[in-house]
C-alpha atoms as a PDB file:
ATOM      1  CA  UNK A   1     -15.465  54.257 -47.463  1.00  0.00           C
ATOM      2  CA  UNK A   2     -15.352  55.331 -51.118  1.00  0.00           C
ATOM      3  CA  UNK A   3     -11.547  55.228 -51.026  1.00  0.00           C
ATOM      4  CA  UNK A   4     -11.547  51.640 -49.735  1.00  0.00           C
ATOM      5  CA  UNK A   5     -13.882  50.555 -52.499  1.00  0.00           C
ATOM      6  CA  UNK A   6     -11.694  52.196 -55.130  1.00  0.00           C
ATOM      7  CA  UNK A   7      -8.573  50.492 -53.726  1.00  0.00           C
ATOM      8  CA  UNK A   8     -10.307  47.103 -53.686  1.00  0.00           C
ATOM      9  CA  UNK A   9     -11.476  47.573 -57.269  1.00  0.00           C
ATOM     10  CA  UNK A  10      -7.943  48.441 -58.385  1.00  0.00           C
ATOM     11  CA  UNK A  11      -6.534  45.374 -56.659  1.00  0.00           C
ATOM     12  CA  UNK A  12      -9.078  43.085 -58.291  1.00  0.00           C
ATOM     13  CA  UNK A  13      -8.454  44.615 -61.716  1.00  0.00           C
ATOM     14  CA  UNK A  14      -4.681  44.237 -61.371  1.00  0.00           C
ATOM     15  CA  UNK A  15      -4.976  40.611 -60.315  1.00  0.00           C
ATOM     16  CA  UNK A  16      -7.406  39.748 -63.113  1.00  0.00           C
ATOM     17  CA  UNK A  17      -5.069  41.241 -65.706  1.00  0.00           C
ATOM     18  CA  UNK A  18      -1.928  39.755 -64.211  1.00  0.00           C
ATOM     19  CA  UNK A  19      -3.064  36.133 -64.119  1.00  0.00           C
ATOM     20  CA  UNK A  20      -5.243  35.432 -67.179  1.00  0.00           C
ATOM     21  CA  UNK A  21      -3.032  32.553 -68.292  1.00  0.00           C
ATOM     22  CA  UNK A  22      -3.396  30.764 -64.962  1.00  0.00           C
ATOM     23  CA  UNK A  23      -7.168  30.935 -65.224  1.00  0.00           C
ATOM     24  CA  UNK A  24      -7.068  29.337 -68.663  1.00  0.00           C
ATOM     25  CA  UNK A  25      -4.544  26.638 -67.785  1.00  0.00           C
ATOM     26  CA  UNK A  26      -5.903  23.156 -68.443  1.00  0.00           C
ATOM     27  CA  UNK A  27      -4.813  19.790 -67.112  1.00  0.00           C
ATOM     28  CA  UNK A  28      -6.295  17.242 -69.509  1.00  0.00           C
ATOM     29  CA  UNK A  29      -5.436  14.096 -67.569  1.00  0.00           C
ATOM     30  CA  UNK A  30      -3.239  12.928 -64.696  1.00  0.00           C
ATOM     31  CA  UNK A  31      -2.297   9.560 -63.217  1.00  0.00           C
ATOM     32  CA  UNK A  32      -0.033   9.215 -60.182  1.00  0.00           C
ATOM     33  CA  UNK A  33      -0.628   5.425 -60.068  1.00  0.00           C
ATOM     34  CA  UNK A  34      -2.013   5.602 -56.566  1.00  0.00           C
ATOM     35  CA  UNK A  35      -3.137   1.968 -56.686  1.00  0.00           C
ATOM     36  CA  UNK A  36      -2.299  -1.139 -54.692  1.00  0.00           C
ATOM     37  CA  UNK A  37       0.710  -3.083 -56.041  1.00  0.00           C
ATOM     38  CA  UNK A  38      -0.297  -5.759 -58.522  1.00  0.00           C
ATOM     39  CA  UNK A  39      -1.848  -5.667 -61.975  1.00  0.00           C
ATOM     40  CA  UNK A  40      -2.354  -2.245 -63.563  1.00  0.00           C
ATOM     41  CA  UNK A  41      -5.254  -3.489 -65.683  1.00  0.00           C
ATOM     42  CA  UNK A  42      -8.519  -3.419 -63.806  1.00  0.00           C
ATOM     43  CA  UNK A  43      -7.235  -0.804 -61.356  1.00  0.00           C
ATOM     44  CA  UNK A  44      -9.711   1.795 -60.058  1.00  0.00           C
ATOM     45  CA  UNK A  45     -10.439   4.898 -62.117  1.00  0.00           C
ATOM     46  CA  UNK A  46      -7.822   6.950 -60.285  1.00  0.00           C
ATOM     47  CA  UNK A  47      -6.204  10.228 -61.165  1.00  0.00           C
ATOM     48  CA  UNK A  48      -8.252  12.740 -63.110  1.00  0.00           C
ATOM     49  CA  UNK A  49      -9.438  13.288 -66.679  1.00  0.00           C
ATOM     50  CA  UNK A  50     -10.054   9.636 -67.621  1.00  0.00           C
ATOM     51  CA  UNK A  51     -13.108   7.745 -68.817  1.00  0.00           C
ATOM     52  CA  UNK A  52     -12.274   4.643 -66.776  1.00  0.00           C
ATOM     53  CA  UNK A  53      -9.335   2.615 -65.484  1.00  0.00           C
ATOM     54  CA  UNK A  54      -6.556   0.898 -67.446  1.00  0.00           C
ATOM     55  CA  UNK A  55      -7.555  -1.992 -69.706  1.00  0.00           C
ATOM     56  CA  UNK A  56      -5.807  -4.515 -71.985  1.00  0.00           C
ATOM     57  CA  UNK A  57      -2.272  -5.672 -71.318  1.00  0.00           C
ATOM     58  CA  UNK A  58      -3.244  -9.227 -70.361  1.00  0.00           C
ATOM     59  CA  UNK A  59      -1.805  -8.614 -66.883  1.00  0.00           C
ATOM     60  CA  UNK A  60       1.640  -7.732 -68.243  1.00  0.00           C
ATOM     61  CA  UNK A  61       1.463  -4.165 -66.898  1.00  0.00           C
ATOM     62  CA  UNK A  62       1.902  -3.668 -63.184  1.00  0.00           C
ATOM     63  CA  UNK A  63       1.818  -1.305 -60.223  1.00  0.00           C
ATOM     64  CA  UNK A  64       5.099  -1.372 -58.290  1.00  0.00           C
ATOM     65  CA  UNK A  65       5.384  -0.196 -54.698  1.00  0.00           C
ATOM     66  CA  UNK A  66       7.001   3.180 -54.086  1.00  0.00           C
ATOM     67  CA  UNK A  67       6.439   6.020 -56.528  1.00  0.00           C
ATOM     68  CA  UNK A  68       9.042   8.177 -58.231  1.00  0.00           C
ATOM     69  CA  UNK A  69       9.610  11.672 -56.879  1.00  0.00           C
ATOM     70  CA  UNK A  70      11.046  14.748 -58.527  1.00  0.00           C
ATOM     71  CA  UNK A  71      12.364  17.927 -56.850  1.00  0.00           C
ATOM     72  CA  UNK A  72       9.699  20.615 -56.841  1.00  0.00           C
ATOM     73  CA  UNK A  73       6.873  18.385 -58.120  1.00  0.00           C
ATOM     74  CA  UNK A  74       4.043  16.767 -56.200  1.00  0.00           C
ATOM     75  CA  UNK A  75       3.751  12.992 -56.415  1.00  0.00           C
ATOM     76  CA  UNK A  76       1.286  10.418 -55.150  1.00  0.00           C
ATOM     77  CA  UNK A  77       1.046   6.678 -54.691  1.00  0.00           C
ATOM     78  CA  UNK A  78       3.167   4.078 -56.397  1.00  0.00           C
ATOM     79  CA  UNK A  79       4.427   3.757 -59.984  1.00  0.00           C
ATOM     80  CA  UNK A  80       3.515   1.798 -63.104  1.00  0.00           C
ATOM     81  CA  UNK A  81       5.607  -0.785 -64.946  1.00  0.00           C
ATOM     82  CA  UNK A  82       5.323  -2.190 -68.426  1.00  0.00           C
ATOM     83  CA  UNK A  83       6.312  -5.830 -68.193  1.00  0.00           C
ATOM     84  CA  UNK A  84       7.304  -6.468 -71.802  1.00  0.00           C
ATOM     85  CA  UNK A  85       5.869  -9.308 -73.882  1.00  0.00           C
ATOM     86  CA  UNK A  86       4.413  -6.813 -76.401  1.00  0.00           C
ATOM     87  CA  UNK A  87       1.265  -6.440 -74.316  1.00  0.00           C
ATOM     88  CA  UNK A  88      -0.276  -2.972 -74.113  1.00  0.00           C
ATOM     89  CA  UNK A  89      -2.298  -1.215 -71.443  1.00  0.00           C
ATOM     90  CA  UNK A  90      -4.639   1.585 -72.562  1.00  0.00           C
ATOM     91  CA  UNK A  91      -6.500   4.441 -70.921  1.00  0.00           C
ATOM     92  CA  UNK A  92      -9.133   6.632 -72.616  1.00  0.00           C
ATOM     93  CA  UNK A  93      -9.701  10.323 -71.883  1.00  0.00           C
ATOM     94  CA  UNK A  94     -12.883  11.429 -70.134  1.00  0.00           C
ATOM     95  CA  UNK A  95     -15.985  11.772 -72.305  1.00  0.00           C
ATOM     96  CA  UNK A  96     -14.104  10.025 -75.138  1.00  0.00           C
ATOM     97  CA  UNK A  97     -12.709  13.427 -76.002  1.00  0.00           C
ATOM     98  CA  UNK A  98     -10.155  13.793 -78.806  1.00  0.00           C
ATOM     99  CA  UNK A  99      -7.208  16.194 -78.687  1.00  0.00           C
ATOM    100  CA  UNK A 100      -4.773  17.576 -81.250  1.00  0.00           C
ATOM    101  CA  UNK A 101      -5.530  17.721 -84.946  1.00  0.00           C
ATOM    102  CA  UNK A 102      -5.733  20.845 -87.118  1.00  0.00           C
ATOM    103  CA  UNK A 103      -5.634  23.963 -84.929  1.00  0.00           C
ATOM    104  CA  UNK A 104      -5.113  21.655 -81.955  1.00  0.00           C
ATOM    105  CA  UNK A 105      -2.923  24.212 -80.190  1.00  0.00           C
ATOM    106  CA  UNK A 106      -0.121  23.033 -77.929  1.00  0.00           C
ATOM    107  CA  UNK A 107      -0.129  19.810 -75.921  1.00  0.00           C
ATOM    108  CA  UNK A 108       2.426  18.968 -73.222  1.00  0.00           C
ATOM    109  CA  UNK A 109       3.011  15.398 -72.007  1.00  0.00           C
ATOM    110  CA  UNK A 110       5.229  14.637 -69.026  1.00  0.00           C
ATOM    111  CA  UNK A 111       6.207  11.584 -67.007  1.00  0.00           C
ATOM    112  CA  UNK A 112       9.051  10.271 -64.881  1.00  0.00           C
ATOM    113  CA  UNK A 113      10.553   7.182 -66.508  1.00  0.00           C
ATOM    114  CA  UNK A 114      13.296   4.628 -65.928  1.00  0.00           C
ATOM    115  CA  UNK A 115      14.218   1.561 -67.973  1.00  0.00           C
ATOM    116  CA  UNK A 116      15.216  -1.881 -66.788  1.00  0.00           C
ATOM    117  CA  UNK A 117      18.184  -3.969 -67.828  1.00  0.00           C
ATOM    118  CA  UNK A 118      18.916  -5.931 -69.898  1.00  0.00           C
ATOM    119  CA  UNK A 119      19.383  -3.120 -72.370  1.00  0.00           C
ATOM    120  CA  UNK A 120      18.284  -4.434 -75.757  1.00  0.00           C
ATOM    121  CA  UNK A 121      21.576  -3.616 -77.505  1.00  0.00           C
ATOM    122  CA  UNK A 122      21.402  -6.604 -79.844  1.00  0.00           C
ATOM    123  CA  UNK A 123      17.686  -6.484 -80.629  1.00  0.00           C
ATOM    124  CA  UNK A 124      16.821  -3.663 -83.062  1.00  0.00           C
ATOM    125  CA  UNK A 125      13.069  -4.150 -82.676  1.00  0.00           C
ATOM    126  CA  UNK A 126      12.941  -3.766 -78.890  1.00  0.00           C
ATOM    127  CA  UNK A 127      10.981  -0.794 -77.555  1.00  0.00           C
ATOM    128  CA  UNK A 128       9.443   0.557 -74.332  1.00  0.00           C
ATOM    129  CA  UNK A 129       7.367   3.660 -73.801  1.00  0.00           C
ATOM    130  CA  UNK A 130       4.118   5.591 -73.736  1.00  0.00           C
ATOM    131  CA  UNK A 131       2.126   6.261 -76.908  1.00  0.00           C
ATOM    132  CA  UNK A 132      -0.644   8.592 -78.014  1.00  0.00           C
ATOM    133  CA  UNK A 133      -3.365   6.584 -79.756  1.00  0.00           C
ATOM    134  CA  UNK A 134      -6.375   7.367 -81.906  1.00  0.00           C
ATOM    135  CA  UNK A 135      -8.851   4.547 -81.424  1.00  0.00           C
ATOM    136  CA  UNK A 136      -7.553   1.093 -80.622  1.00  0.00           C
ATOM    137  CA  UNK A 137      -5.246   0.599 -83.604  1.00  0.00           C
ATOM    138  CA  UNK A 138      -3.700   3.909 -84.707  1.00  0.00           C
ATOM    139  CA  UNK A 139      -0.461   4.942 -82.954  1.00  0.00           C
ATOM    140  CA  UNK A 140       0.628   8.332 -84.326  1.00  0.00           C
ATOM    141  CA  UNK A 141       3.208   9.186 -81.659  1.00  0.00           C
ATOM    142  CA  UNK A 142       5.459   7.183 -79.293  1.00  0.00           C
ATOM    143  CA  UNK A 143       7.555   8.509 -76.364  1.00  0.00           C
ATOM    144  CA  UNK A 144      10.251   6.370 -74.769  1.00  0.00           C
ATOM    145  CA  UNK A 145      12.923   4.037 -76.120  1.00  0.00           C
ATOM    146  CA  UNK A 146      12.123   3.605 -79.823  1.00  0.00           C
ATOM    147  CA  UNK A 147      13.114   0.649 -81.947  1.00  0.00           C
ATOM    148  CA  UNK A 148      16.663   0.606 -83.332  1.00  0.00           C
ATOM    149  CA  UNK A 149      17.912   2.500 -80.269  1.00  0.00           C
ATOM    150  CA  UNK A 150      18.913   1.868 -76.654  1.00  0.00           C
ATOM    151  CA  UNK A 151      18.270   5.440 -75.479  1.00  0.00           C
ATOM    152  CA  UNK A 152      15.259   7.652 -74.784  1.00  0.00           C
ATOM    153  CA  UNK A 153      13.546   9.528 -77.615  1.00  0.00           C
ATOM    154  CA  UNK A 154      10.384   9.307 -79.720  1.00  0.00           C
ATOM    155  CA  UNK A 155       8.933   7.694 -82.821  1.00  0.00           C
ATOM    156  CA  UNK A 156       6.512   9.370 -85.214  1.00  0.00           C
ATOM    157  CA  UNK A 157       4.676   6.402 -86.713  1.00  0.00           C
ATOM    158  CA  UNK A 158       3.945   8.216 -89.954  1.00  0.00           C
ATOM    159  CA  UNK A 159       7.581   9.125 -90.652  1.00  0.00           C
ATOM    160  CA  UNK A 160       8.776   5.615 -89.728  1.00  0.00           C
ATOM    161  CA  UNK A 161      12.036   7.163 -88.493  1.00  0.00           C
ATOM    162  CA  UNK A 162      12.728   6.798 -84.757  1.00  0.00           C
ATOM    163  CA  UNK A 163      14.508   9.734 -83.145  1.00  0.00           C
ATOM    164  CA  UNK A 164      16.630   9.274 -80.037  1.00  0.00           C
ATOM    165  CA  UNK A 165      18.825  11.169 -77.581  1.00  0.00           C
ATOM    166  CA  UNK A 166      22.066   9.958 -76.009  1.00  0.00           C
ATOM    167  CA  UNK A 167      20.351   9.370 -72.651  1.00  0.00           C
ATOM    168  CA  UNK A 168      20.675   5.693 -71.618  1.00  0.00           C
ATOM    169  CA  UNK A 169      17.422   3.790 -71.249  1.00  0.00           C
ATOM    170  CA  UNK A 170      18.243   2.695 -67.685  1.00  0.00           C
ATOM    171  CA  UNK A 171      18.508   6.271 -66.335  1.00  0.00           C
ATOM    172  CA  UNK A 172      15.636   7.891 -64.440  1.00  0.00           C
ATOM    173  CA  UNK A 173      14.562  11.300 -65.710  1.00  0.00           C
ATOM    174  CA  UNK A 174      11.654  13.708 -65.990  1.00  0.00           C
ATOM    175  CA  UNK A 175      10.639  13.666 -69.660  1.00  0.00           C
ATOM    176  CA  UNK A 176       8.494  16.418 -71.153  1.00  0.00           C
ATOM    177  CA  UNK A 177       7.238  16.459 -74.746  1.00  0.00           C
ATOM    178  CA  UNK A 178       5.741  19.512 -76.418  1.00  0.00           C
ATOM    179  CA  UNK A 179       3.620  19.169 -79.561  1.00  0.00           C
ATOM    180  CA  UNK A 180       2.545  22.286 -81.468  1.00  0.00           C
ATOM    181  CA  UNK A 181      -0.147  21.202 -83.898  1.00  0.00           C
ATOM    182  CA  UNK A 182      -0.424  22.645 -87.402  1.00  0.00           C
ATOM    183  CA  UNK A 183      -3.041  25.160 -88.466  1.00  0.00           C
ATOM    184  CA  UNK A 184      -3.935  23.456 -91.760  1.00  0.00           C
ATOM    185  CA  UNK A 185      -4.355  19.847 -92.857  1.00  0.00           C
ATOM    186  CA  UNK A 186      -0.992  19.957 -94.642  1.00  0.00           C
ATOM    187  CA  UNK A 187       0.956  21.846 -91.964  1.00  0.00           C
ATOM    188  CA  UNK A 188       3.318  19.705 -89.869  1.00  0.00           C
ATOM    189  CA  UNK A 189       3.490  19.606 -86.089  1.00  0.00           C
ATOM    190  CA  UNK A 190       6.527  20.909 -84.258  1.00  0.00           C
ATOM    191  CA  UNK A 191       7.682  18.393 -81.645  1.00  0.00           C
ATOM    192  CA  UNK A 192      10.189  19.099 -78.890  1.00  0.00           C
ATOM    193  CA  UNK A 193      11.558  16.888 -76.126  1.00  0.00           C
ATOM    194  CA  UNK A 194      12.895  18.247 -72.835  1.00  0.00           C
ATOM    195  CA  UNK A 195      14.787  16.263 -70.200  1.00  0.00           C
ATOM    196  CA  UNK A 196      14.771  17.292 -66.534  1.00  0.00           C
ATOM    197  CA  UNK A 197      13.304  20.796 -67.048  1.00  0.00           C
ATOM    198  CA  UNK A 198      12.553  22.904 -63.986  1.00  0.00           C
ATOM    199  CA  UNK A 199       8.981  22.353 -62.752  1.00  0.00           C
ATOM    200  CA  UNK A 200       6.807  25.434 -62.999  1.00  0.00           C
ATOM    201  CA  UNK A 201       9.154  27.327 -65.339  1.00  0.00           C
ATOM    202  CA  UNK A 202       8.470  26.753 -69.032  1.00  0.00           C
ATOM    203  CA  UNK A 203      11.700  25.729 -70.779  1.00  0.00           C
ATOM    204  CA  UNK A 204      12.950  27.682 -73.765  1.00  0.00           C
ATOM    205  CA  UNK A 205      12.709  26.086 -77.180  1.00  0.00           C
ATOM    206  CA  UNK A 206      16.500  26.219 -77.386  1.00  0.00           C
ATOM    207  CA  UNK A 207      16.808  23.919 -74.352  1.00  0.00           C
ATOM    208  CA  UNK A 208      15.028  21.027 -76.087  1.00  0.00           C
ATOM    209  CA  UNK A 209      17.229  17.956 -76.522  1.00  0.00           C
ATOM    210  CA  UNK A 210      15.292  16.978 -79.653  1.00  0.00           C
ATOM    211  CA  UNK A 211      13.328  19.123 -82.107  1.00  0.00           C
ATOM    212  CA  UNK A 212      11.626  17.944 -85.266  1.00  0.00           C
ATOM    213  CA  UNK A 213       8.795  18.558 -87.708  1.00  0.00           C
ATOM    214  CA  UNK A 214       6.454  15.621 -88.289  1.00  0.00           C
ATOM    215  CA  UNK A 215       3.775  14.984 -90.874  1.00  0.00           C
ATOM    216  CA  UNK A 216       0.339  16.578 -90.972  1.00  0.00           C
ATOM    217  CA  UNK A 217      -1.531  17.030 -87.661  1.00  0.00           C
ATOM    218  CA  UNK A 218      -2.799  13.934 -85.869  1.00  0.00           C
ATOM    219  CA  UNK A 219      -5.417  13.514 -83.158  1.00  0.00           C
ATOM    220  CA  UNK A 220      -5.542  11.177 -80.164  1.00  0.00           C
ATOM    221  CA  UNK A 221      -8.113  10.024 -77.622  1.00  0.00           C
ATOM    222  CA  UNK A 222      -6.124   7.685 -75.353  1.00  0.00           C
ATOM    223  CA  UNK A 223      -2.669   6.683 -74.159  1.00  0.00           C
ATOM    224  CA  UNK A 224      -0.923   3.326 -74.245  1.00  0.00           C
ATOM    225  CA  UNK A 225       1.952   1.855 -72.229  1.00  0.00           C
ATOM    226  CA  UNK A 226       3.833  -1.033 -73.811  1.00  0.00           C
ATOM    227  CA  UNK A 227       7.234  -2.698 -74.186  1.00  0.00           C
ATOM    228  CA  UNK A 228       8.597  -5.820 -75.771  1.00  0.00           C
ATOM    229  CA  UNK A 229      10.381  -7.830 -78.474  1.00  0.00           C
ATOM    230  CA  UNK A 230      13.039 -10.492 -78.018  1.00  0.00           C
ATOM    231  CA  UNK A 231      15.069  -8.838 -75.246  1.00  0.00           C
ATOM    232  CA  UNK A 232      11.777  -8.048 -73.490  1.00  0.00           C
ATOM    233  CA  UNK A 233      12.732  -4.626 -72.067  1.00  0.00           C
ATOM    234  CA  UNK A 234      10.660  -3.255 -69.220  1.00  0.00           C
ATOM    235  CA  UNK A 235      10.312   0.246 -67.856  1.00  0.00           C
ATOM    236  CA  UNK A 236       8.742   2.047 -64.926  1.00  0.00           C
ATOM    237  CA  UNK A 237       6.757   5.265 -65.225  1.00  0.00           C
ATOM    238  CA  UNK A 238       5.017   7.668 -62.886  1.00  0.00           C
ATOM    239  CA  UNK A 239       3.365  11.091 -62.626  1.00  0.00           C
ATOM    240  CA  UNK A 240       1.846  11.003 -66.110  1.00  0.00           C
ATOM    241  CA  UNK A 241       0.331  14.340 -67.109  1.00  0.00           C
ATOM    242  CA  UNK A 242      -1.225  15.623 -70.329  1.00  0.00           C
ATOM    243  CA  UNK A 243      -1.994  19.346 -70.416  1.00  0.00           C
ATOM    244  CA  UNK A 244      -2.285  22.431 -72.586  1.00  0.00           C
ATOM    245  CA  UNK A 245       0.290  24.393 -70.565  1.00  0.00           C
ATOM    246  CA  UNK A 246       3.729  23.509 -69.247  1.00  0.00           C
ATOM    247  CA  UNK A 247       2.846  24.592 -65.703  1.00  0.00           C
ATOM    248  CA  UNK A 248       0.085  21.980 -65.613  1.00  0.00           C
ATOM    249  CA  UNK A 249       2.255  19.290 -67.193  1.00  0.00           C
ATOM    250  CA  UNK A 250       5.140  19.937 -64.794  1.00  0.00           C
ATOM    251  CA  UNK A 251       3.654  21.850 -61.856  1.00  0.00           C
ATOM    252  CA  UNK A 252       5.795  23.356 -59.121  1.00  0.00           C
ATOM    253  CA  UNK A 253       4.789  22.592 -55.529  1.00  0.00           C
ATOM    254  CA  UNK A 254       4.359  25.962 -53.872  1.00  0.00           C
ATOM    255  CA  UNK A 255       3.215  29.486 -54.755  1.00  0.00           C
ATOM    256  CA  UNK A 256       3.056  30.090 -58.515  1.00  0.00           C
ATOM    257  CA  UNK A 257       5.810  32.231 -59.988  1.00  0.00           C
ATOM    258  CA  UNK A 258       4.216  35.157 -61.906  1.00  0.00           C
ATOM    259  CA  UNK A 259       5.509  35.830 -65.386  1.00  0.00           C
ATOM    260  CA  UNK A 260       7.572  39.036 -65.867  1.00  0.00           C
ATOM    261  CA  UNK A 261       4.665  40.784 -67.599  1.00  0.00           C
ATOM    262  CA  UNK A 262       2.372  39.851 -64.722  1.00  0.00           C
ATOM    263  CA  UNK A 263       4.855  41.239 -62.213  1.00  0.00           C
ATOM    264  CA  UNK A 264       4.946  44.549 -64.130  1.00  0.00           C
ATOM    265  CA  UNK A 265       1.151  44.809 -64.093  1.00  0.00           C
ATOM    266  CA  UNK A 266       0.996  44.000 -60.402  1.00  0.00           C
ATOM    267  CA  UNK A 267       3.645  46.656 -59.721  1.00  0.00           C
ATOM    268  CA  UNK A 268       1.523  49.173 -61.636  1.00  0.00           C
ATOM    269  CA  UNK A 269      -1.493  48.213 -59.547  1.00  0.00           C
ATOM    270  CA  UNK A 270       0.444  48.696 -56.314  1.00  0.00           C
ATOM    271  CA  UNK A 271       1.702  52.086 -57.537  1.00  0.00           C
ATOM    272  CA  UNK A 272      -1.841  53.251 -58.332  1.00  0.00           C
ATOM    273  CA  UNK A 273      -3.053  52.151 -54.904  1.00  0.00           C
ATOM    274  CA  UNK A 274      -0.230  54.064 -53.212  1.00  0.00           C
ATOM    275  CA  UNK A 275      -1.021  57.196 -55.211  1.00  0.00           C
ATOM    276  CA  UNK A 276      -4.685  57.020 -54.198  1.00  0.00           C
ATOM    277  CA  UNK A 277      -3.705  56.663 -50.557  1.00  0.00           C
ATOM    278  CA  UNK A 278      -1.369  59.681 -50.726  1.00  0.00           C
ATOM    279  CA  UNK A 279      -4.044  61.750 -52.475  1.00  0.00           C
ATOM    280  CA  UNK A 280      -6.577  60.817 -49.818  1.00  0.00           C
ATOM    281  CA  UNK A 281      -4.120  61.687 -47.069  1.00  0.00           C
ATOM    282  CA  UNK A 282      -3.471  65.132 -48.563  1.00  0.00           C
ATOM    283  CA  UNK A 283      -7.224  65.722 -48.859  1.00  0.00           C
ATOM    284  CA  UNK A 284      -7.687  64.917 -45.164  1.00  0.00           C
ATOM    285  CA  UNK A 285      -4.867  67.331 -44.226  1.00  0.00           C
ATOM    286  CA  UNK A 286      -6.402  70.079 -46.364  1.00  0.00           C
ATOM    287  CA  UNK A 287      -9.756  69.665 -44.628  1.00  0.00           C
ATOM    288  CA  UNK A 288      -8.278  69.910 -41.143  1.00  0.00           C
END
């Protein structure tokens, strides 16, 4: 009986050491747009991590039938669409909580996105994407097709310099943005953009398609979807996640894959259990 208790205690200790990161993983907010087709504004408070449903937009943001899917990731419901016309739909985080800022850690944002034609090649002010907002009027960071471009990228509102990839706006991809916030009021954030990373396996910094330093840390308490200007571009989006870890922002459907260090600790735990069993077996033989 004492041996069984010791084995159980070892197993629990090994597991608790091996998976501390999983226990601390945090999904801030998620929306799979599991709503009836129609207007996005006024939809139920679906998903998780939100104060209420989508608002604003003047019925220019929609729910389209049939959601996007991505290999290895779970998906639900339909998908959203920004209908152009420079009208914006907003959604506030639960408890009006603010994220980012000085010592704001790391934030991951992911979504599946696809633009519509016509591509705004002759309209430099056209845009379409998802933004992080602070209050109703401050837009510190934009993710999507920035102005002056016809490809996917981002726009840091404080730098006033849109940054873009060579990925055409009309292509469907899994987009993941990583923001590492500064530790002082004057320290810049480090921003990275990943395209089609493997769900559940954090991508290396070297695999980012865009990397840049921005101005001093910003904070945000809501997201916005919007598109517009003369060519009136539209885009569809789905599986929006904001999290503090990559595995929550782009989760793999299935058993979690332990990190190498966790596997080593688990192996040590198994070895200790085997040694205890052999020692107990020898003790029994000696007593016979």
